[in-house]
Protein backbone atom coordinates (compact mmCIF):
# COMPACT_ATOMS: atom_id res chain seq x y z
CA MET A 1 -18.33 22.24 -19.80
CA PHE A 2 -20.05 18.92 -19.53
CA GLU A 3 -21.92 18.48 -16.23
CA LEU A 4 -22.65 14.95 -14.69
CA LYS A 5 -23.97 15.09 -11.13
CA GLN A 6 -22.96 11.80 -9.19
CA SER A 7 -24.10 10.57 -5.86
CA LEU A 8 -21.15 8.35 -5.06
CA LEU A 9 -17.38 8.75 -6.15
CA ASN A 10 -14.74 6.16 -5.63
CA TYR A 11 -10.99 6.61 -6.32
CA LEU A 12 -9.24 3.59 -5.74
CA CYS A 13 -5.30 3.38 -5.43
CA SER A 14 -4.16 6.13 -7.71
CA ILE A 15 -3.80 9.28 -5.93
CA GLU A 16 0.10 8.64 -5.84
CA TYR A 17 0.29 9.24 -9.52
CA TRP A 18 -1.93 12.92 -9.50
CA PRO A 19 0.37 15.89 -9.84
CA ASP A 20 -2.15 18.05 -7.55
CA PRO A 21 -4.12 15.52 -5.28
CA GLN A 22 -5.97 18.73 -3.79
CA ARG A 23 -7.35 19.64 -7.21
CA GLY A 24 -8.41 16.17 -7.99
CA ILE A 25 -10.32 16.25 -4.47
CA LYS A 26 -12.05 19.64 -5.13
CA GLU A 27 -13.22 18.46 -8.91
CA ALA A 28 -14.81 15.36 -6.98
CA TYR A 29 -16.63 17.61 -4.84
CA ARG A 30 -17.78 19.48 -7.88
CA VAL A 31 -19.20 16.64 -9.35
CA LEU A 32 -21.04 15.12 -6.81
CA LYS A 33 -24.65 16.28 -5.88
CA PRO A 34 -25.38 17.66 -2.59
CA GLY A 35 -25.65 14.70 -0.04
CA GLY A 36 -23.08 12.83 -2.29
CA ILE A 37 -20.35 10.80 -1.03
CA ALA A 38 -16.55 10.62 -2.11
CA CYS A 39 -14.65 7.95 -1.30
CA MET A 40 -10.93 7.54 -1.70
CA ILE A 41 -8.55 4.50 -1.22
CA GLY A 42 -4.89 4.94 -1.37
CA PRO A 43 -1.46 4.14 -0.16
CA VAL A 44 -0.02 5.86 3.35
CA HIS A 45 3.68 6.93 3.57
CA PRO A 46 5.45 3.97 5.52
CA THR A 47 6.87 4.51 8.93
CA PHE A 48 9.51 1.93 8.83
CA TRP A 49 12.67 3.85 7.71
CA LEU A 50 13.67 1.32 4.58
CA SER A 51 10.25 1.29 3.49
CA ARG A 52 10.25 5.08 3.99
CA PHE A 53 13.52 5.47 1.84
CA MET A 54 12.04 3.15 -0.90
CA ALA A 55 8.68 5.18 -1.18
CA ASP A 56 10.43 8.46 -0.86
CA LEU A 57 12.36 7.32 -4.31
CA TRP A 58 9.65 5.93 -6.17
CA MET A 59 6.42 7.81 -5.95
CA LEU A 60 3.86 9.95 -3.63
CA PHE A 61 2.80 8.28 -0.46
CA PRO A 62 0.44 11.00 1.42
CA LYS A 63 0.44 10.93 5.04
CA GLU A 64 -3.11 10.37 6.72
CA GLU A 65 -3.14 13.91 7.62
CA GLU A 66 -3.11 15.01 4.01
CA TYR A 67 -5.73 12.81 2.83
CA PHE A 68 -7.81 14.63 5.79
CA GLU A 69 -6.73 17.78 4.99
CA TRP A 70 -7.47 17.46 1.38
CA PHE A 71 -10.88 16.60 1.72
CA LYS A 72 -11.36 19.55 4.27
CA ASN A 73 -10.19 21.95 2.15
CA ALA A 74 -12.38 20.70 -0.56
CA GLY A 75 -15.60 21.69 1.60
CA PHE A 76 -16.28 17.79 2.43
CA GLU A 77 -17.89 17.05 5.90
CA ASP A 78 -18.30 14.21 8.06
CA ILE A 79 -14.74 12.79 7.15
CA LYS A 80 -13.63 9.73 8.36
CA LEU A 81 -10.54 7.91 7.99
CA LYS A 82 -10.05 4.19 8.54
CA ARG A 83 -6.54 2.51 8.16
CA ILE A 84 -6.20 -0.47 5.98
CA GLY A 85 -3.79 -3.34 6.99
CA PRO A 86 -3.70 -7.00 7.44
CA LYS A 87 -6.43 -8.66 9.35
CA TRP A 88 -3.64 -10.47 11.41
CA TYR A 89 -1.95 -7.24 12.36
CA ARG A 90 -3.24 -5.31 15.36
CA GLY A 91 -0.17 -3.58 16.23
CA ALA A 92 0.70 0.08 16.76
CA ARG A 93 1.03 2.26 13.42
CA ARG A 94 4.72 2.93 13.84
CA HIS A 95 5.60 -0.64 13.07
CA GLY A 96 4.79 0.40 9.29
CA LEU A 97 2.19 -2.40 8.60
CA ILE A 98 -0.52 -0.11 7.90
CA ILE A 99 -0.35 -0.16 3.80
CA GLY A 100 -3.10 2.23 3.23
CA CYS A 101 -6.60 4.22 4.12
CA SER A 102 -9.89 4.97 3.10
CA VAL A 103 -11.16 8.31 3.51
CA THR A 104 -14.86 9.28 2.99
CA GLY A 105 -16.37 12.72 3.19
CA VAL A 106 -19.99 14.06 2.17
CA LYS A 107 -21.03 17.02 0.10
CA ARG A 108 -23.59 18.84 2.08
CA THR A 109 -24.32 21.89 -0.16
CA PRO A 110 -24.77 22.34 -3.77
CA GLY A 111 -22.36 24.42 -5.80
CA ASP A 112 -18.33 24.32 -6.30
CA SER A 113 -15.91 23.64 -3.65
CA PRO A 114 -15.17 26.38 -1.25
CA LEU A 115 -11.37 25.99 -2.25
CA GLN A 116 -12.80 27.01 -5.90
CA VAL A 117 -14.52 30.16 -4.56
CA ARG A 118 -11.36 31.10 -2.64
CA ILE A 119 -9.13 30.88 -5.85
CA GLN A 120 -11.71 32.72 -7.84
CA LEU A 121 -11.57 35.58 -5.31
CA CYS A 122 -7.98 35.78 -5.07
CA ALA A 123 -7.63 35.79 -8.83
CA ARG A 124 -10.09 38.77 -9.36
CA THR A 125 -8.67 40.65 -6.41
CA HIS A 126 -4.95 40.18 -7.42
CA ASP A 127 -4.15 41.37 -4.01
CA ILE A 128 -1.19 39.45 -2.50
CA ASN A 129 -2.48 40.25 0.88
CA PHE A 130 -5.97 38.48 0.16
CA PRO A 131 -6.05 35.59 2.76
CA CYS A 132 -6.27 32.69 -0.21
């Protein structure tokens, strides 16, 4: 397998098209050097009922919590999430004008994602009671 270790990875506005976002973020962890930073910018699930209805018909719009969990599960540390919306808007999230978020995380230790290690252990044990 070809290995190219990076110190910075940026994913911009594509996660809504990924069939398995957790797998993609786990791969970002794998190719980063220790101390490297991953940054993802993507849309968030709308809160306004009509926008939410249309978003659910059309494509994946992750919730802010999902971005955070995907980074955490992949092994990233110092995870930061920043909401993205119009500069003029300083209101509450519930009004639906937050259109996206930026998530960053740092890879502190070398090697594969801890998520990858758990998957490999599960595959080796073939034990359905093993906590995967």
